[in-house]
Each structure stands twice: as structure tokens, then as C-alpha cells.
Protein backbone atom coordinates (compact mmCIF):
# COMPACT_ATOMS: atom_id res chain seq x y z
CA UNK A 1 101.37 83.92 121.30
CA UNK A 2 99.92 83.05 124.72
CA UNK A 3 97.57 86.06 124.47
CA UNK A 4 96.30 84.95 121.03
CA UNK A 5 95.81 81.37 122.26
CA UNK A 6 93.79 82.52 125.29
CA UNK A 7 91.70 84.86 123.11
CA UNK A 8 90.99 82.01 120.66
CA UNK A 9 89.93 79.57 123.39
CA UNK A 10 87.78 82.18 125.11
CA UNK A 11 86.00 83.34 121.96
CA UNK A 12 85.51 79.86 120.51
CA UNK A 13 83.82 78.69 123.70
CA UNK A 14 81.70 81.78 124.32
CA UNK A 15 80.74 83.31 121.00
CA UNK A 16 77.95 80.86 120.27
CA UNK A 17 76.78 80.21 123.84
CA UNK A 18 73.95 82.29 125.33
CA UNK A 19 74.31 84.02 128.69
CA UNK A 20 72.54 82.22 131.55
CA UNK A 21 68.89 83.23 131.78
CA UNK A 22 68.93 84.91 128.40
CA UNK A 23 67.41 83.25 125.34
CA UNK A 24 69.81 83.14 122.38
CA UNK A 25 68.92 85.29 119.38
CA UNK A 26 69.18 83.18 116.24
CA UNK A 27 69.11 84.81 112.81
CA UNK A 28 69.23 83.47 109.27
CA UNK A 29 72.56 84.76 108.08
CA UNK A 30 73.14 83.01 104.74
CA UNK A 31 70.67 81.76 102.15
CA UNK A 32 70.86 78.32 100.55
CA UNK A 33 72.37 79.60 97.29
CA UNK A 34 75.09 81.54 99.13
CA UNK A 35 76.00 78.51 101.25
CA UNK A 36 76.13 76.19 98.23
CA UNK A 37 78.21 78.69 96.26
CA UNK A 38 80.60 79.18 99.19
CA UNK A 39 81.53 75.51 99.54
CA UNK A 40 81.67 74.70 95.82
CA UNK A 41 83.70 77.85 95.26
CA UNK A 42 86.11 76.91 98.07
CA UNK A 43 86.69 73.48 96.54
CA UNK A 44 87.22 74.98 93.09
CA UNK A 45 89.74 77.51 94.41
CA UNK A 46 91.80 74.80 96.12
CA UNK A 47 91.93 72.77 92.90
CA UNK A 48 92.66 75.87 90.81
CA UNK A 49 95.50 76.95 93.08
CA UNK A 50 97.20 73.56 93.31
CA UNK A 51 96.83 72.75 89.61
CA UNK A 52 97.89 76.30 88.75
CA UNK A 53 101.13 75.82 90.68
CA UNK A 54 101.68 72.60 88.70
CA UNK A 55 101.31 74.59 85.48
CA UNK A 56 103.58 77.36 86.78
CA UNK A 57 106.26 74.78 87.57
CA UNK A 58 106.57 74.06 83.84
CA UNK A 59 108.00 77.58 83.38
CA UNK A 60 108.60 79.17 86.80
CA UNK A 61 109.04 82.79 85.72
CA UNK A 62 106.82 85.83 85.19
CA UNK A 63 107.22 88.67 82.70
CA UNK A 64 105.48 91.89 81.74
CA UNK A 65 104.29 92.78 78.25
CA UNK A 66 103.74 90.68 75.17
CA UNK A 67 107.07 88.82 75.09
CA UNK A 68 109.11 86.70 77.49
CA UNK A 69 112.30 88.58 78.35
CA UNK A 70 114.15 85.54 79.69
CA UNK A 71 117.15 87.56 80.89
CA UNK A 72 115.07 89.88 83.09
CA UNK A 73 111.94 88.20 84.49
CA UNK A 74 109.81 90.06 87.00
CA UNK A 75 109.89 86.91 89.15
CA UNK A 76 111.65 83.58 88.82
CA UNK A 77 112.01 80.48 91.01
CA UNK A 78 114.91 78.28 89.96
CA UNK A 79 117.48 75.77 91.17
CA UNK A 80 121.21 76.50 90.89
CA UNK A 81 124.30 74.56 91.92
CA UNK A 82 126.23 76.15 94.79
CA UNK A 83 129.99 76.24 95.20
CA UNK A 84 129.80 72.99 97.17
CA UNK A 85 127.90 71.28 94.38
CA UNK A 86 124.65 71.25 96.33
CA UNK A 87 121.43 72.45 94.71
CA UNK A 88 120.07 75.74 96.04
CA UNK A 89 116.61 77.15 95.45
CA UNK A 90 116.84 80.78 94.34
CA UNK A 91 113.81 83.08 94.09
CA UNK A 92 114.31 86.39 92.31
CA UNK A 93 111.83 89.27 92.58
CA UNK A 94 112.97 92.11 90.35
CA UNK A 95 116.57 92.76 91.32
CA UNK A 96 116.33 90.99 94.69
CA UNK A 97 117.61 87.45 95.24
CA UNK A 98 116.47 85.10 98.03
CA UNK A 99 117.67 81.63 99.00
CA UNK A 100 114.50 79.55 99.36
CA UNK A 101 116.01 76.07 99.41
CA UNK A 102 113.67 73.47 100.85
CA UNK A 103 110.53 75.42 99.98
CA UNK A 104 110.83 77.07 96.56
CA UNK A 105 113.18 76.08 93.72
CA UNK A 106 114.53 72.99 95.43
CA UNK A 107 112.50 70.82 97.79
CA UNK A 108 112.28 67.33 99.19
CA UNK A 109 114.42 65.45 101.72
CA UNK A 110 118.09 66.47 101.96
CA UNK A 111 119.26 63.17 100.46
CA UNK A 112 116.90 63.49 97.46
CA UNK A 113 116.53 67.18 96.58
CA UNK A 114 114.29 67.87 93.59
CA UNK A 115 114.34 70.78 91.16
CA UNK A 116 110.84 72.26 91.15
CA UNK A 117 109.51 75.77 91.76
CA UNK A 118 106.75 74.71 94.16
CA UNK A 119 107.01 71.49 96.21
CA UNK A 120 105.04 68.36 95.40
CA UNK A 121 102.69 68.76 98.39
CA UNK A 122 101.45 72.09 96.99
CA UNK A 123 100.67 70.92 93.44
CA UNK A 124 97.92 68.86 91.81
CA UNK A 125 98.90 66.23 90.88
CA UNK A 126 101.94 65.87 93.14
CA UNK A 127 104.31 64.39 90.55
CA UNK A 128 105.48 66.38 87.52
CA UNK A 129 102.49 66.03 85.19
CA UNK A 130 101.68 69.18 83.24
CA UNK A 131 98.89 67.65 81.13
CA UNK A 132 96.98 66.40 84.19
CA UNK A 133 97.52 69.73 85.94
CA UNK A 134 96.01 71.58 82.99
CA UNK A 135 93.02 69.23 82.91
CA UNK A 136 92.34 69.75 86.62
CA UNK A 137 92.74 73.52 86.17
CA UNK A 138 90.32 73.72 83.25
CA UNK A 139 87.75 71.49 84.97
CA UNK A 140 87.69 73.63 88.11
CA UNK A 141 87.85 76.84 86.07
CA UNK A 142 84.77 76.03 84.00
CA UNK A 143 82.85 75.37 87.21
CA UNK A 144 84.23 78.42 89.03
CA UNK A 145 83.64 81.04 86.30
CA UNK A 146 79.91 80.39 85.59
CA UNK A 147 79.17 80.11 89.32
CA UNK A 148 80.94 83.42 89.94
CA UNK A 149 78.85 85.13 87.28
CA UNK A 150 75.68 83.55 88.70
CA UNK A 151 76.54 84.66 92.23
CA UNK A 152 77.32 88.23 91.21
CA UNK A 153 74.02 88.41 89.33
CA UNK A 154 72.25 86.99 92.37
CA UNK A 155 73.78 89.68 94.61
CA UNK A 156 72.67 92.44 92.26
CA UNK A 157 69.21 91.18 91.30
CA UNK A 158 68.20 90.07 94.80
CA UNK A 159 69.23 93.37 96.35
CA UNK A 160 71.80 91.65 98.58
CA UNK A 161 74.57 93.80 97.13
CA UNK A 162 72.83 97.03 98.14
CA UNK A 163 71.55 95.79 101.50
CA UNK A 164 74.56 93.86 102.76
CA UNK A 165 77.74 94.88 100.93
CA UNK A 166 77.59 98.48 99.77
CA UNK A 167 79.01 100.75 102.52
CA UNK A 168 76.78 103.49 103.91
CA UNK A 169 78.14 107.03 104.08
CA UNK A 170 78.25 107.11 107.88
CA UNK A 171 80.25 103.86 108.02
CA UNK A 172 83.35 105.45 106.53
CA UNK A 173 83.84 107.41 109.74
CA UNK A 174 84.22 104.13 111.64
CA UNK A 175 86.96 102.59 109.47
CA UNK A 176 89.81 103.35 111.86
CA UNK A 177 87.83 102.02 114.82
CA UNK A 178 86.87 98.82 112.97
CA UNK A 179 90.48 98.12 111.96
CA UNK A 180 91.67 98.69 115.53
CA UNK A 181 89.00 96.38 116.95
CA UNK A 182 89.93 93.61 114.48
CA UNK A 183 93.61 93.91 115.39
CA UNK A 184 92.62 93.55 119.05
CA UNK A 185 90.48 90.49 118.14
CA UNK A 186 87.31 92.24 119.28
CA UNK A 187 84.31 91.63 117.05
CA UNK A 188 80.75 93.05 116.79
CA UNK A 189 78.19 91.90 119.36
CA UNK A 190 74.43 92.14 119.70
CA UNK A 191 72.63 94.08 116.99
CA UNK A 192 75.92 95.12 115.37
CA UNK A 193 76.64 91.47 114.60
CA UNK A 194 73.57 91.27 112.34
CA UNK A 195 75.41 93.13 109.59
CA UNK A 196 78.83 93.14 107.98
CA UNK A 197 81.10 95.90 109.23
CA UNK A 198 82.90 98.25 106.86
CA UNK A 199 86.11 96.20 106.75
CA UNK A 200 84.18 93.06 105.83
CA UNK A 201 82.21 94.88 103.15
CA UNK A 202 85.32 96.33 101.52
CA UNK A 203 87.12 92.96 101.60
CA UNK A 204 84.18 91.09 100.04
CA UNK A 205 83.61 93.76 97.40
CA UNK A 206 87.29 93.72 96.43
CA UNK A 207 87.46 89.94 96.20
CA UNK A 208 84.09 89.37 94.50
CA UNK A 209 84.08 92.24 92.03
CA UNK A 210 87.79 92.81 91.35
CA UNK A 211 90.12 89.94 92.20
CA UNK A 212 87.94 86.99 91.14
CA UNK A 213 86.81 88.57 87.83
CA UNK A 214 90.46 89.41 87.09
CA UNK A 215 91.40 85.78 87.69
CA UNK A 216 88.78 84.68 85.16
CA UNK A 217 89.56 87.32 82.52
CA UNK A 218 93.35 86.92 82.71
CA UNK A 219 92.91 83.15 82.53
CA UNK A 220 90.89 83.56 79.34
CA UNK A 221 93.53 85.94 77.95
CA UNK A 222 96.16 83.19 78.20
CA UNK A 223 94.06 80.93 75.97
CA UNK A 224 94.90 81.20 72.22
CA UNK A 225 91.35 80.10 71.40
CA UNK A 226 89.80 82.87 73.47
CA UNK A 227 92.28 85.39 72.03
CA UNK A 228 91.07 84.50 68.56
CA UNK A 229 87.45 85.02 69.62
CA UNK A 230 88.08 88.08 71.82
CA UNK A 231 91.33 89.71 70.63
CA UNK A 232 90.56 92.79 72.74
CA UNK A 233 91.56 90.83 75.86
CA UNK A 234 95.23 91.07 74.84
CA UNK A 235 94.93 94.82 74.46
CA UNK A 236 93.18 95.22 77.82
CA UNK A 237 95.93 93.40 79.72
CA UNK A 238 98.89 94.48 77.61
CA UNK A 239 99.77 91.05 76.27
CA UNK A 240 99.68 87.41 77.32
CA UNK A 241 102.69 87.69 79.62
CA UNK A 242 101.18 90.60 81.54
CA UNK A 243 97.94 88.64 81.88
CA UNK A 244 99.87 85.66 83.26
CA UNK A 245 101.58 87.85 85.85
CA UNK A 246 98.29 89.48 86.93
CA UNK A 247 96.70 86.01 87.09
CA UNK A 248 99.47 84.83 89.42
CA UNK A 249 99.28 87.93 91.65
CA UNK A 250 95.50 87.66 91.94
CA UNK A 251 95.87 84.02 92.93
CA UNK A 252 98.30 85.08 95.68
CA UNK A 253 95.80 87.72 96.80
CA UNK A 254 93.09 85.05 97.08
CA UNK A 255 95.42 82.86 99.15
CA UNK A 256 96.05 85.81 101.48
CA UNK A 257 92.31 86.50 101.77
CA UNK A 258 91.62 82.82 102.41
CA UNK A 259 94.19 82.60 105.22
CA UNK A 260 92.95 85.77 106.93
CA UNK A 261 89.35 84.60 106.50
CA UNK A 262 90.12 81.26 108.20
CA UNK A 263 91.93 82.93 111.11
CA UNK A 264 89.04 85.35 111.71
CA UNK A 265 86.51 82.51 111.55
CA UNK A 266 88.49 80.65 114.21
CA UNK A 267 88.99 83.54 116.63
CA UNK A 268 85.47 84.94 116.31
CA UNK A 269 83.70 81.64 117.03
CA UNK A 270 84.37 78.64 114.82
CA UNK A 271 81.24 76.65 115.74
CA UNK A 272 78.87 79.57 115.26
CA UNK A 273 80.47 80.64 111.99
CA UNK A 274 80.57 77.14 110.51
CA UNK A 275 76.95 76.51 111.52
CA UNK A 276 75.88 79.70 109.78
CA UNK A 277 77.57 78.60 106.55
CA UNK A 278 76.14 75.06 106.75
CA UNK A 279 72.61 75.60 108.06
CA UNK A 280 72.26 79.36 107.68
CA UNK A 281 71.53 79.79 111.42
CA UNK A 282 73.73 82.21 113.37
CA UNK A 283 73.53 82.93 117.12
CA UNK A 284 74.09 86.62 117.80
CA UNK A 285 76.89 87.12 120.35
CA UNK A 286 75.44 89.10 123.25
CA UNK A 287 76.47 92.49 124.60
CA UNK A 288 77.20 90.80 127.96
CA UNK A 289 79.93 88.76 126.28
CA UNK A 290 81.50 91.95 124.98
CA UNK A 291 81.65 93.32 128.53
CA UNK A 292 83.21 90.07 129.79
CA UNK A 293 85.95 90.40 127.15
């Protein structure tokens, strides 16, 4: 922990500062549309996640297929009474059972435990209010989905997809090295910092072209209205219950990506990274800094 703290403080203070006597190299890293999409998308995802957990709380179990097999859910988060009469939060994943009291299944202060899959601080709205949760979810969803389509089209039509995200053949040979450098909290410097590395490209491609579209399509599959208009969605995902499970797993994947993304932004230079996503200007970390590390 001390090593990570020292690395964070060192990189945050140095990654955007030029070396004495050397003029900083400033590049335009993100265009206006990308920056706008990034922040609106981030807000939408927070609302979608929190309102989605509110909706999940109404029936905290996941199934596979077309029907709900209540006796054998793939995942369930419930509250049960223990031998001492106290409520216990129990999370089941397949045949495995975990006591998650205080976080999942049962939460709140010890003197006022509440039965709910996800705690009030993680849901929108905080109180039990399914109708409001659905309204928040639909509002954010109908902003998120069109903007995602617009951004994907922008990447393709502008050539950004080919220039910035598609891996080059020679880059595959560096995958092991890139992973090792990230684990050691060592990031590209100088000219290498002008471009995404292979790990970044693969992560962004997976999220933008697989996980996010799956979130949208599985969300539409759970809508009876959309099923009537596009009945093929049910066939593609193997039923409404399968779509709900994939929707939930993709949401978890986005949470994982979001957390890793935030950590890497912090340790690789929070000021420089935030400035690039607000103004578009990014100061290239110098090779001298890499030697100092």
C-alpha cells in the first residue's frame, strides 16, 4: 500500500509538469464531440446503474432462458432469518451461498436492518420506489442509446476508429510487455504517449462495440413493446430472462471498467488526464520522467 501511495503522489505531481529547461509538448488529444459524449455518457451510466439496482431490488434474482425457475435461480440476493432470529443477507451464485449481511440482502444500521438486495445508498431513488426507478432508468437510457449510436458512427465515419483504436499487427507482439508495465504502474512517455497502447485499444473496443451495445439490446429485449415490434430479439438472446441476466452482467462489467479507468487516471496523472478530457489539451510526459521513475 505504501508503494502504491508513493507511486500515485509521484506520478500525479510529475506527469503533467515539464522538465526544467524543456518546453512542454502539448497535443490535442480529444475532440469536442468526444469530450461532450464522455461526460454525458458518464452521467447517464451513473443514473442507469443506480436506477437499475432499484429495479433489480423489486425481484432480486436472475434466471436463464424464457421462464423464471424460482427454485433454481442463477443468482439471488435475499434476506433470511437466522437461528437467533436476526435477519441475514444471503447471496447465492449457482450452488454457492455467501453471507453478505450489511451489504447485500440486508443493510442499514444494526438496530434497524432492512430487507433489500442492494442498499439505499446504491439505488436511485434511495427509498423503495420502483416506479420512480423505472422512470429514471428510461430517461437516462433514451439519452444513452442514441448518443452511443452517434458516437460509434462518428468513430467510423471520421476515421478515428481506424487511426486510434484498431490494433496494428506489430502491436500484438507487445501485449505481454504492456500488461506488465501497467501492473508496475509504468505508463507510456514521450512519443509513445501520443497514441493508445494495445491494452487501451482492446479495452475501448470491447466496451464500445460489445458491452455497451449489449446493454442497449438486452434492455430493449426486456420491453414487451419492443418485443412486439422486434420479436427476433427474444430469439437472439434466448428469452427475456436470459436477456435480463446478460443485461445485469454487462452492467457489472461496465462498473469494473469504470473503477479500473478511474484508478489508472489517478495514477497516471490526474490533472493532465482531466484537462485533456475537459479542454482537449494533453501535455506529453517526457522521456526524462520515465528515467526518473
